Amino acid sequence: MVSMTEIVVEVKDLYYSYNSQPVLQGVNLKIRRGEIIAIMGENGAGKTTLIKHFNGLLKPKRGSVKVFGIDTRNASVAELSRKVGLVFQNPDHQLFAETVEKEVEFALRNFGFEEEVVKKRVEWALNLMGLAKYRNRSPFTLSVGERKRLAIASVLSYDPELIIFDEPTAGQDFLQKERIAELLNLLRTRGKTVIIVTHDVEFVATRFERVIVMSQGKIIGDGSFREILSNSEILEKARLLPPQIVKCAWLLSDIGVPRDTLYPEELVRKIEEVIRR
């Protein structure tokens, strides 16, 4: 039984800096098991720096980060990685094997899975991400989008409890974005906790229960996707453009269309209601 109240990530007063330049400034955050969360914000807002604390790649300069109750300062990346899977924005930062198949096998073998389990999970992950036909090719002969999907497959194969994606839709076409959306639904049904760092506002608008917005190393917004994506002040501060439907709703708000309208069918219905008044 998955407990939706269990806190899997707890960040308290987190500060971090690169070369004396502050990147995270007093971040406080709790993430519960089973949540599907988007973290958004401008370049340099601190999003990637924050998520690198969740698997121990970075350690707090001040404050604390606990993941599944473990203080990350006292745990190695190897320990945390069994529970926390991180897919980097640039897939070339984590791909190194001779073939696509060996890339997906690596973590499974490293974590000591039995051979039969390795084969089943590799097959499942390759098929899920549409890469089975490339199993014997070098990862570096694939397109950027295919390499991104390979990086995702290599993490999904060992079934971590918390899965973090850094800009997974960048470089993906519509069909591949839909594949990622289907993946999110699958992970949701499995009770996984998922964090996605993204600039893709349109992708976020229909798929995330909770959206966190960062700017200049601080969290400036944390709420439902409807609350965040209809808040012009937060979006402007984070330099994020609202979804097209929200833009239309804002333009029509003077005649009575709610500013938090997010879906095309919802916009049509609200306009019809205004006309009938």
C-alpha atoms as a PDB file:
ATOM      1  CA  MET A   1       0.000   0.000   0.000  1.00  0.00           C
ATOM      2  CA  VAL A   2       1.435   3.376  -1.058  1.00  0.00           C
ATOM      3  CA  SER A   3       1.189   6.075   1.608  1.00  0.00           C
ATOM      4  CA  MET A   4       0.424   9.397  -0.075  1.00  0.00           C
ATOM      5  CA  THR A   5       1.285  11.240   3.141  1.00  0.00           C
ATOM      6  CA  GLU A   6       4.831   9.867   3.477  1.00  0.00           C
ATOM      7  CA  ILE A   7       7.411  12.597   2.926  1.00  0.00           C
ATOM      8  CA  VAL A   8      10.099  11.335   0.544  1.00  0.00           C
ATOM      9  CA  VAL A   9      12.013  14.610   0.125  1.00  0.00           C
ATOM     10  CA  GLU A  10      12.390  17.229   2.844  1.00  0.00           C
ATOM     11  CA  VAL A  11      14.455  20.349   2.176  1.00  0.00           C
ATOM     12  CA  LYS A  12      15.084  22.766   5.050  1.00  0.00           C
ATOM     13  CA  ASP A  13      16.658  26.208   4.652  1.00  0.00           C
ATOM     14  CA  LEU A  14      18.895  25.008   1.801  1.00  0.00           C
ATOM     15  CA  TYR A  15      21.696  27.272   0.596  1.00  0.00           C
ATOM     16  CA  TYR A  16      24.205  26.482  -2.122  1.00  0.00           C
ATOM     17  CA  SER A  17      26.715  28.536  -4.092  1.00  0.00           C
ATOM     18  CA  TYR A  18      29.140  28.094  -6.991  1.00  0.00           C
ATOM     19  CA  ASN A  19      32.386  30.052  -6.679  1.00  0.00           C
ATOM     20  CA  SER A  20      30.855  32.294  -3.993  1.00  0.00           C
ATOM     21  CA  GLN A  21      27.849  33.039  -6.232  1.00  0.00           C
ATOM     22  CA  PRO A  22      24.589  32.107  -4.445  1.00  0.00           C
ATOM     23  CA  VAL A  23      22.455  29.671  -6.449  1.00  0.00           C
ATOM     24  CA  LEU A  24      20.012  28.422  -3.811  1.00  0.00           C
ATOM     25  CA  GLN A  25      18.877  30.789  -1.087  1.00  0.00           C
ATOM     26  CA  GLY A  26      16.842  29.386   1.783  1.00  0.00           C
ATOM     27  CA  VAL A  27      14.827  26.755  -0.093  1.00  0.00           C
ATOM     28  CA  ASN A  28      12.194  24.897   1.944  1.00  0.00           C
ATOM     29  CA  LEU A  29      10.259  22.072   0.340  1.00  0.00           C
ATOM     30  CA  LYS A  30       8.400  18.852   1.136  1.00  0.00           C
ATOM     31  CA  ILE A  31       7.539  16.239  -1.477  1.00  0.00           C
ATOM     32  CA  ARG A  32       5.224  13.336  -0.662  1.00  0.00           C
ATOM     33  CA  ARG A  33       5.180   9.845  -2.056  1.00  0.00           C
ATOM     34  CA  GLY A  34       3.167   9.533  -5.247  1.00  0.00           C
ATOM     35  CA  GLU A  35       3.267  13.216  -6.180  1.00  0.00           C
ATOM     36  CA  ILE A  36       3.853  14.198  -9.816  1.00  0.00           C
ATOM     37  CA  ILE A  37       5.573  17.593  -9.676  1.00  0.00           C
ATOM     38  CA  ALA A  38       6.864  20.100 -12.214  1.00  0.00           C
ATOM     39  CA  ILE A  39       9.634  22.523 -11.238  1.00  0.00           C
ATOM     40  CA  MET A  40       9.724  25.561 -13.505  1.00  0.00           C
ATOM     41  CA  GLY A  41      11.665  28.803 -13.773  1.00  0.00           C
ATOM     42  CA  GLU A  42      14.050  30.831 -15.881  1.00  0.00           C
ATOM     43  CA  ASN A  43      17.576  29.667 -16.750  1.00  0.00           C
ATOM     44  CA  GLY A  44      19.781  30.094 -13.701  1.00  0.00           C
ATOM     45  CA  ALA A  45      16.857  29.927 -11.258  1.00  0.00           C
ATOM     46  CA  GLY A  46      18.474  27.015  -9.379  1.00  0.00           C
ATOM     47  CA  LYS A  47      16.217  24.187 -10.561  1.00  0.00           C
ATOM     48  CA  THR A  48      18.932  21.752 -11.647  1.00  0.00           C
ATOM     49  CA  THR A  49      21.097  22.631  -8.655  1.00  0.00           C
ATOM     50  CA  LEU A  50      18.160  21.773  -6.392  1.00  0.00           C
ATOM     51  CA  ILE A  51      17.447  18.360  -7.909  1.00  0.00           C
ATOM     52  CA  LYS A  52      21.140  17.407  -7.833  1.00  0.00           C
ATOM     53  CA  HIS A  53      20.848  17.561  -4.041  1.00  0.00           C
ATOM     54  CA  PHE A  54      18.218  14.803  -4.121  1.00  0.00           C
ATOM     55  CA  ASN A  55      20.619  12.051  -5.208  1.00  0.00           C
ATOM     56  CA  GLY A  56      23.675  13.431  -3.422  1.00  0.00           C
ATOM     57  CA  LEU A  57      25.536  14.832  -6.429  1.00  0.00           C
ATOM     58  CA  LEU A  58      25.621  18.100  -4.492  1.00  0.00           C
ATOM     59  CA  LYS A  59      25.724  18.558  -0.714  1.00  0.00           C
ATOM     60  CA  PRO A  60      24.171  21.504   1.153  1.00  0.00           C
ATOM     61  CA  LYS A  61      26.417  24.432   2.056  1.00  0.00           C
ATOM     62  CA  ARG A  62      23.843  25.255   4.702  1.00  0.00           C
ATOM     63  CA  GLY A  63      20.559  23.652   5.690  1.00  0.00           C
ATOM     64  CA  SER A  64      19.629  20.032   5.061  1.00  0.00           C
ATOM     65  CA  VAL A  65      18.147  17.651   2.508  1.00  0.00           C
ATOM     66  CA  LYS A  66      16.578  14.361   3.553  1.00  0.00           C
ATOM     67  CA  VAL A  67      15.525  11.770   0.981  1.00  0.00           C
ATOM     68  CA  PHE A  68      13.503   8.802   2.251  1.00  0.00           C
ATOM     69  CA  GLY A  69      14.588   9.904   5.726  1.00  0.00           C
ATOM     70  CA  ILE A  70      18.300   9.795   4.834  1.00  0.00           C
ATOM     71  CA  ASP A  71      20.381  12.935   5.344  1.00  0.00           C
ATOM     72  CA  THR A  72      22.124  13.292   1.977  1.00  0.00           C
ATOM     73  CA  ARG A  73      25.275  14.652   3.630  1.00  0.00           C
ATOM     74  CA  ASN A  74      25.780  11.238   5.216  1.00  0.00           C
ATOM     75  CA  ALA A  75      25.052   9.122   2.129  1.00  0.00           C
ATOM     76  CA  SER A  76      26.943   8.419  -1.079  1.00  0.00           C
ATOM     77  CA  VAL A  77      25.547   8.959  -4.566  1.00  0.00           C
ATOM     78  CA  ALA A  78      25.605   5.167  -5.028  1.00  0.00           C
ATOM     79  CA  GLU A  79      23.431   4.633  -1.935  1.00  0.00           C
ATOM     80  CA  LEU A  80      20.900   7.271  -2.926  1.00  0.00           C
ATOM     81  CA  SER A  81      20.799   6.285  -6.595  1.00  0.00           C
ATOM     82  CA  ARG A  82      19.148   2.947  -5.807  1.00  0.00           C
ATOM     83  CA  LYS A  83      16.075   4.903  -4.680  1.00  0.00           C
ATOM     84  CA  VAL A  84      16.516   8.095  -6.728  1.00  0.00           C
ATOM     85  CA  GLY A  85      16.850   7.992 -10.509  1.00  0.00           C
ATOM     86  CA  LEU A  86      18.020  11.192 -12.224  1.00  0.00           C
ATOM     87  CA  VAL A  87      17.812  11.714 -15.986  1.00  0.00           C
ATOM     88  CA  PHE A  88      20.088  14.598 -16.994  1.00  0.00           C
ATOM     89  CA  GLN A  89      19.089  17.336 -19.423  1.00  0.00           C
ATOM     90  CA  ASN A  90      22.042  16.425 -21.646  1.00  0.00           C
ATOM     91  CA  PRO A  91      21.931  12.643 -22.193  1.00  0.00           C
ATOM     92  CA  ASP A  92      25.606  12.575 -23.186  1.00  0.00           C
ATOM     93  CA  HIS A  93      26.462  13.277 -19.545  1.00  0.00           C
ATOM     94  CA  GLN A  94      25.266   9.801 -18.566  1.00  0.00           C
ATOM     95  CA  LEU A  95      25.702   7.581 -21.629  1.00  0.00           C
ATOM     96  CA  PHE A  96      28.928   5.627 -22.058  1.00  0.00           C
ATOM     97  CA  ALA A  97      28.276   1.976 -22.984  1.00  0.00           C
ATOM     98  CA  GLU A  98      29.179   0.347 -26.310  1.00  0.00           C
ATOM     99  CA  THR A  99      25.591  -0.466 -27.254  1.00  0.00           C
ATOM    100  CA  VAL A 100      22.080   0.701 -26.419  1.00  0.00           C
ATOM    101  CA  GLU A 101      21.304  -2.636 -24.754  1.00  0.00           C
ATOM    102  CA  LYS A 102      24.429  -2.537 -22.571  1.00  0.00           C
ATOM    103  CA  GLU A 103      23.555   1.011 -21.536  1.00  0.00           C
ATOM    104  CA  VAL A 104      20.217  -0.128 -20.123  1.00  0.00           C
ATOM    105  CA  GLU A 105      21.810  -3.217 -18.544  1.00  0.00           C
ATOM    106  CA  PHE A 106      24.497  -1.304 -16.680  1.00  0.00           C
ATOM    107  CA  ALA A 107      22.608  -0.097 -13.597  1.00  0.00           C
ATOM    108  CA  LEU A 108      20.764  -3.405 -13.253  1.00  0.00           C
ATOM    109  CA  ARG A 109      24.028  -5.347 -13.161  1.00  0.00           C
ATOM    110  CA  ASN A 110      25.635  -2.759 -10.908  1.00  0.00           C
ATOM    111  CA  PHE A 111      22.789  -3.151  -8.402  1.00  0.00           C
ATOM    112  CA  GLY A 112      23.101  -6.947  -8.489  1.00  0.00           C
ATOM    113  CA  PHE A 113      19.874  -7.987 -10.211  1.00  0.00           C
ATOM    114  CA  GLU A 114      19.643 -11.614 -11.346  1.00  0.00           C
ATOM    115  CA  GLU A 115      20.282 -12.344 -15.033  1.00  0.00           C
ATOM    116  CA  GLU A 116      16.680 -13.284 -15.806  1.00  0.00           C
ATOM    117  CA  VAL A 117      15.438 -10.058 -14.229  1.00  0.00           C
ATOM    118  CA  VAL A 118      18.039  -8.041 -16.147  1.00  0.00           C
ATOM    119  CA  LYS A 119      16.848  -9.441 -19.478  1.00  0.00           C
ATOM    120  CA  LYS A 120      13.163  -8.825 -18.726  1.00  0.00           C
ATOM    121  CA  ARG A 121      13.688  -5.281 -17.522  1.00  0.00           C
ATOM    122  CA  VAL A 122      15.970  -4.331 -20.408  1.00  0.00           C
ATOM    123  CA  GLU A 123      13.385  -5.617 -22.894  1.00  0.00           C
ATOM    124  CA  TRP A 124      10.574  -3.754 -21.108  1.00  0.00           C
ATOM    125  CA  ALA A 125      12.474  -0.447 -20.940  1.00  0.00           C
ATOM    126  CA  LEU A 126      13.639  -0.576 -24.570  1.00  0.00           C
ATOM    127  CA  ASN A 127      10.124  -1.316 -25.830  1.00  0.00           C
ATOM    128  CA  LEU A 128       8.578   1.340 -23.601  1.00  0.00           C
ATOM    129  CA  MET A 129      10.846   4.040 -25.034  1.00  0.00           C
ATOM    130  CA  GLY A 130      10.688   2.775 -28.628  1.00  0.00           C
ATOM    131  CA  LEU A 131      14.359   1.790 -28.779  1.00  0.00           C
ATOM    132  CA  ALA A 132      14.294  -2.003 -29.166  1.00  0.00           C
ATOM    133  CA  LYS A 133      15.297  -1.838 -32.839  1.00  0.00           C
ATOM    134  CA  TYR A 134      18.466   0.054 -31.876  1.00  0.00           C
ATOM    135  CA  ARG A 135      19.646  -2.382 -29.181  1.00  0.00           C
ATOM    136  CA  ASN A 136      22.918  -3.274 -30.962  1.00  0.00           C
ATOM    137  CA  ARG A 137      23.809   0.254 -32.063  1.00  0.00           C
ATOM    138  CA  SER A 138      26.173   2.629 -30.311  1.00  0.00           C
ATOM    139  CA  PRO A 139      24.254   5.215 -28.247  1.00  0.00           C
ATOM    140  CA  PHE A 140      26.245   7.929 -29.987  1.00  0.00           C
ATOM    141  CA  THR A 141      24.802   7.065 -33.400  1.00  0.00           C
ATOM    142  CA  LEU A 142      21.312   7.965 -32.143  1.00  0.00           C
ATOM    143  CA  SER A 143      19.650  11.358 -32.496  1.00  0.00           C
ATOM    144  CA  VAL A 144      19.540  13.689 -29.478  1.00  0.00           C
ATOM    145  CA  GLY A 145      15.895  12.803 -28.868  1.00  0.00           C
ATOM    146  CA  GLU A 146      16.668   9.075 -29.047  1.00  0.00           C
ATOM    147  CA  ARG A 147      19.612   9.478 -26.670  1.00  0.00           C
ATOM    148  CA  LYS A 148      17.301  11.252 -24.232  1.00  0.00           C
ATOM    149  CA  ARG A 149      14.885   8.340 -24.390  1.00  0.00           C
ATOM    150  CA  LEU A 150      17.788   5.932 -23.847  1.00  0.00           C
ATOM    151  CA  ALA A 151      18.832   7.825 -20.719  1.00  0.00           C
ATOM    152  CA  ILE A 152      15.232   7.552 -19.487  1.00  0.00           C
ATOM    153  CA  ALA A 153      15.140   3.813 -20.267  1.00  0.00           C
ATOM    154  CA  SER A 154      18.379   3.193 -18.355  1.00  0.00           C
ATOM    155  CA  VAL A 155      16.877   4.792 -15.234  1.00  0.00           C
ATOM    156  CA  LEU A 156      13.418   3.215 -15.517  1.00  0.00           C
ATOM    157  CA  SER A 157      14.948  -0.252 -15.865  1.00  0.00           C
ATOM    158  CA  TYR A 158      16.006  -0.488 -12.213  1.00  0.00           C
ATOM    159  CA  ASP A 159      12.683   0.880 -10.898  1.00  0.00           C
ATOM    160  CA  PRO A 160      13.708   3.655  -8.453  1.00  0.00           C
ATOM    161  CA  GLU A 161      11.089   5.073  -6.081  1.00  0.00           C
ATOM    162  CA  LEU A 162      11.776   8.716  -6.977  1.00  0.00           C
ATOM    163  CA  ILE A 163      12.379   9.578 -10.629  1.00  0.00           C
ATOM    164  CA  ILE A 164      13.665  13.000 -11.682  1.00  0.00           C
ATOM    165  CA  PHE A 165      13.693  14.220 -15.279  1.00  0.00           C
ATOM    166  CA  ASP A 166      15.588  17.366 -16.284  1.00  0.00           C
ATOM    167  CA  GLU A 167      13.926  18.902 -19.402  1.00  0.00           C
ATOM    168  CA  PRO A 168      12.673  15.570 -20.826  1.00  0.00           C
ATOM    169  CA  THR A 169      10.546  17.151 -23.584  1.00  0.00           C
ATOM    170  CA  ALA A 170      13.345  19.325 -25.018  1.00  0.00           C
ATOM    171  CA  GLY A 171      14.182  18.137 -28.532  1.00  0.00           C
ATOM    172  CA  GLN A 172      11.185  15.779 -28.649  1.00  0.00           C
ATOM    173  CA  ASP A 173       8.464  15.974 -31.294  1.00  0.00           C
ATOM    174  CA  PHE A 174       4.724  15.817 -30.541  1.00  0.00           C
ATOM    175  CA  LEU A 175       4.542  12.018 -30.672  1.00  0.00           C
ATOM    176  CA  GLN A 176       7.506  11.604 -28.338  1.00  0.00           C
ATOM    177  CA  LYS A 177       6.013  14.132 -25.919  1.00  0.00           C
ATOM    178  CA  GLU A 178       2.862  12.010 -25.920  1.00  0.00           C
ATOM    179  CA  ARG A 179       5.024   8.957 -25.165  1.00  0.00           C
ATOM    180  CA  ILE A 180       6.496  10.808 -22.178  1.00  0.00           C
ATOM    181  CA  ALA A 181       2.964  11.769 -21.072  1.00  0.00           C
ATOM    182  CA  GLU A 182       1.961   8.089 -21.226  1.00  0.00           C
ATOM    183  CA  LEU A 183       5.056   7.258 -19.191  1.00  0.00           C
ATOM    184  CA  LEU A 184       3.968   9.747 -16.514  1.00  0.00           C
ATOM    185  CA  ASN A 185       0.571   8.061 -16.350  1.00  0.00           C
ATOM    186  CA  LEU A 186       2.252   4.664 -15.987  1.00  0.00           C
ATOM    187  CA  LEU A 187       4.503   5.906 -13.183  1.00  0.00           C
ATOM    188  CA  ARG A 188       1.472   7.467 -11.485  1.00  0.00           C
ATOM    189  CA  THR A 189      -0.384   4.143 -11.476  1.00  0.00           C
ATOM    190  CA  ARG A 190       2.710   2.497  -9.971  1.00  0.00           C
ATOM    191  CA  GLY A 191       2.757   4.981  -7.095  1.00  0.00           C
ATOM    192  CA  LYS A 192       6.094   6.492  -8.092  1.00  0.00           C
ATOM    193  CA  THR A 193       7.127   9.987  -7.083  1.00  0.00           C
ATOM    194  CA  VAL A 194       8.089  12.006 -10.156  1.00  0.00           C
ATOM    195  CA  ILE A 195       9.776  15.399 -10.483  1.00  0.00           C
ATOM    196  CA  ILE A 196      10.199  17.069 -13.851  1.00  0.00           C
ATOM    197  CA  VAL A 197      12.257  20.203 -14.433  1.00  0.00           C
ATOM    198  CA  THR A 198      10.872  21.896 -17.521  1.00  0.00           C
ATOM    199  CA  HIS A 199      10.251  25.125 -19.433  1.00  0.00           C
ATOM    200  CA  ASP A 200       7.447  23.466 -21.413  1.00  0.00           C
ATOM    201  CA  VAL A 201       4.413  25.299 -20.028  1.00  0.00           C
ATOM    202  CA  GLU A 202       1.996  23.697 -22.494  1.00  0.00           C
ATOM    203  CA  PHE A 203       3.157  20.220 -21.417  1.00  0.00           C
ATOM    204  CA  VAL A 204       2.737  21.086 -17.730  1.00  0.00           C
ATOM    205  CA  ALA A 205      -0.741  22.600 -18.172  1.00  0.00           C
ATOM    206  CA  THR A 206      -2.594  19.294 -18.400  1.00  0.00           C
ATOM    207  CA  ARG A 207      -0.399  16.773 -16.625  1.00  0.00           C
ATOM    208  CA  PHE A 208       0.779  17.949 -13.197  1.00  0.00           C
ATOM    209  CA  GLU A 209      -1.076  18.176  -9.910  1.00  0.00           C
ATOM    210  CA  ARG A 210       1.557  20.445  -8.388  1.00  0.00           C
ATOM    211  CA  VAL A 211       3.815  23.083  -9.901  1.00  0.00           C
ATOM    212  CA  ILE A 212       6.787  24.704  -8.154  1.00  0.00           C
ATOM    213  CA  VAL A 213       8.218  27.905  -9.613  1.00  0.00           C
ATOM    214  CA  MET A 214      11.738  29.144  -8.862  1.00  0.00           C
ATOM    215  CA  SER A 215      13.451  32.468  -9.448  1.00  0.00           C
ATOM    216  CA  GLN A 216      16.911  33.599  -8.346  1.00  0.00           C
ATOM    217  CA  GLY A 217      17.452  30.568  -6.128  1.00  0.00           C
ATOM    218  CA  LYS A 218      14.141  30.820  -4.287  1.00  0.00           C
ATOM    219  CA  ILE A 219      10.732  29.184  -4.554  1.00  0.00           C
ATOM    220  CA  ILE A 220       8.271  31.920  -5.527  1.00  0.00           C
ATOM    221  CA  GLY A 221       5.254  29.729  -6.245  1.00  0.00           C
ATOM    222  CA  ASP A 222       3.994  26.329  -5.103  1.00  0.00           C
ATOM    223  CA  GLY A 223       0.469  25.180  -5.877  1.00  0.00           C
ATOM    224  CA  SER A 224      -1.844  23.444  -8.312  1.00  0.00           C
ATOM    225  CA  PHE A 225      -1.147  23.859 -12.020  1.00  0.00           C
ATOM    226  CA  ARG A 226      -4.316  25.979 -12.292  1.00  0.00           C
ATOM    227  CA  GLU A 227      -3.230  28.324  -9.508  1.00  0.00           C
ATOM    228  CA  ILE A 228       0.297  28.740 -10.862  1.00  0.00           C
ATOM    229  CA  LEU A 229      -0.302  28.888 -14.615  1.00  0.00           C
ATOM    230  CA  SER A 230      -3.057  31.476 -14.261  1.00  0.00           C
ATOM    231  CA  ASN A 231      -0.981  33.731 -11.971  1.00  0.00           C
ATOM    232  CA  SER A 232       0.485  36.419 -14.229  1.00  0.00           C
ATOM    233  CA  GLU A 233       2.662  37.871 -11.451  1.00  0.00           C
ATOM    234  CA  ILE A 234       4.453  34.580 -10.755  1.00  0.00           C
ATOM    235  CA  LEU A 235       4.858  33.746 -14.449  1.00  0.00           C
ATOM    236  CA  GLU A 236       6.248  37.193 -15.218  1.00  0.00           C
ATOM    237  CA  LYS A 237       8.697  37.061 -12.318  1.00  0.00           C
ATOM    238  CA  ALA A 238       9.924  33.641 -13.482  1.00  0.00           C
ATOM    239  CA  ARG A 239      10.004  34.783 -17.127  1.00  0.00           C
ATOM    240  CA  LEU A 240       7.609  32.048 -18.203  1.00  0.00           C
ATOM    241  CA  LEU A 241       5.050  32.532 -20.964  1.00  0.00           C
ATOM    242  CA  PRO A 242       1.522  31.350 -20.089  1.00  0.00           C
ATOM    243  CA  PRO A 243      -0.174  28.624 -22.158  1.00  0.00           C
ATOM    244  CA  GLN A 244      -2.015  29.914 -25.244  1.00  0.00           C
ATOM    245  CA  ILE A 245      -5.431  29.146 -23.752  1.00  0.00           C
ATOM    246  CA  VAL A 246      -4.564  31.127 -20.625  1.00  0.00           C
ATOM    247  CA  LYS A 247      -3.498  34.075 -22.797  1.00  0.00           C
ATOM    248  CA  CYS A 248      -6.897  33.967 -24.512  1.00  0.00           C
ATOM    249  CA  ALA A 249      -8.679  33.795 -21.154  1.00  0.00           C
ATOM    250  CA  TRP A 250      -6.767  36.833 -19.915  1.00  0.00           C
ATOM    251  CA  LEU A 251      -7.734  38.791 -23.035  1.00  0.00           C
ATOM    252  CA  LEU A 252     -11.388  37.831 -22.519  1.00  0.00           C
ATOM    253  CA  SER A 253     -11.448  38.352 -18.756  1.00  0.00           C
ATOM    254  CA  ASP A 254     -13.017  41.814 -19.160  1.00  0.00           C
ATOM    255  CA  ILE A 255     -16.181  40.197 -20.524  1.00  0.00           C
ATOM    256  CA  GLY A 256     -16.359  37.637 -17.735  1.00  0.00           C
ATOM    257  CA  VAL A 257     -14.175  34.688 -18.791  1.00  0.00           C
ATOM    258  CA  PRO A 258     -12.266  33.411 -15.709  1.00  0.00           C
ATOM    259  CA  ARG A 259      -8.522  34.073 -15.859  1.00  0.00           C
ATOM    260  CA  ASP A 260      -7.736  30.542 -14.639  1.00  0.00           C
ATOM    261  CA  THR A 261      -9.273  28.853 -17.706  1.00  0.00           C
ATOM    262  CA  LEU A 262      -6.764  26.254 -18.936  1.00  0.00           C
ATOM    263  CA  TYR A 263      -8.399  23.947 -21.484  1.00  0.00           C
ATOM    264  CA  PRO A 264      -9.800  24.618 -24.991  1.00  0.00           C
ATOM    265  CA  GLU A 265     -13.158  22.975 -24.243  1.00  0.00           C
ATOM    266  CA  GLU A 266     -13.317  24.881 -20.956  1.00  0.00           C
ATOM    267  CA  LEU A 267     -12.695  28.175 -22.775  1.00  0.00           C
ATOM    268  CA  VAL A 268     -15.460  27.426 -25.295  1.00  0.00           C
ATOM    269  CA  ARG A 269     -17.884  26.605 -22.477  1.00  0.00           C
ATOM    270  CA  LYS A 270     -17.039  29.791 -20.560  1.00  0.00           C
ATOM    271  CA  ILE A 271     -17.482  31.937 -23.683  1.00  0.00           C
ATOM    272  CA  GLU A 272     -20.874  30.293 -24.339  1.00  0.00           C
ATOM    273  CA  GLU A 273     -21.903  31.032 -20.747  1.00  0.00           C
ATOM    274  CA  VAL A 274     -20.949  34.692 -21.184  1.00  0.00           C
ATOM    275  CA  ILE A 275     -22.940  34.940 -24.440  1.00  0.00           C
ATOM    276  CA  ARG A 276     -26.061  33.416 -22.827  1.00  0.00           C
ATOM    277  CA  ARG A 277     -26.087  35.924 -19.967  1.00  0.00           C
END
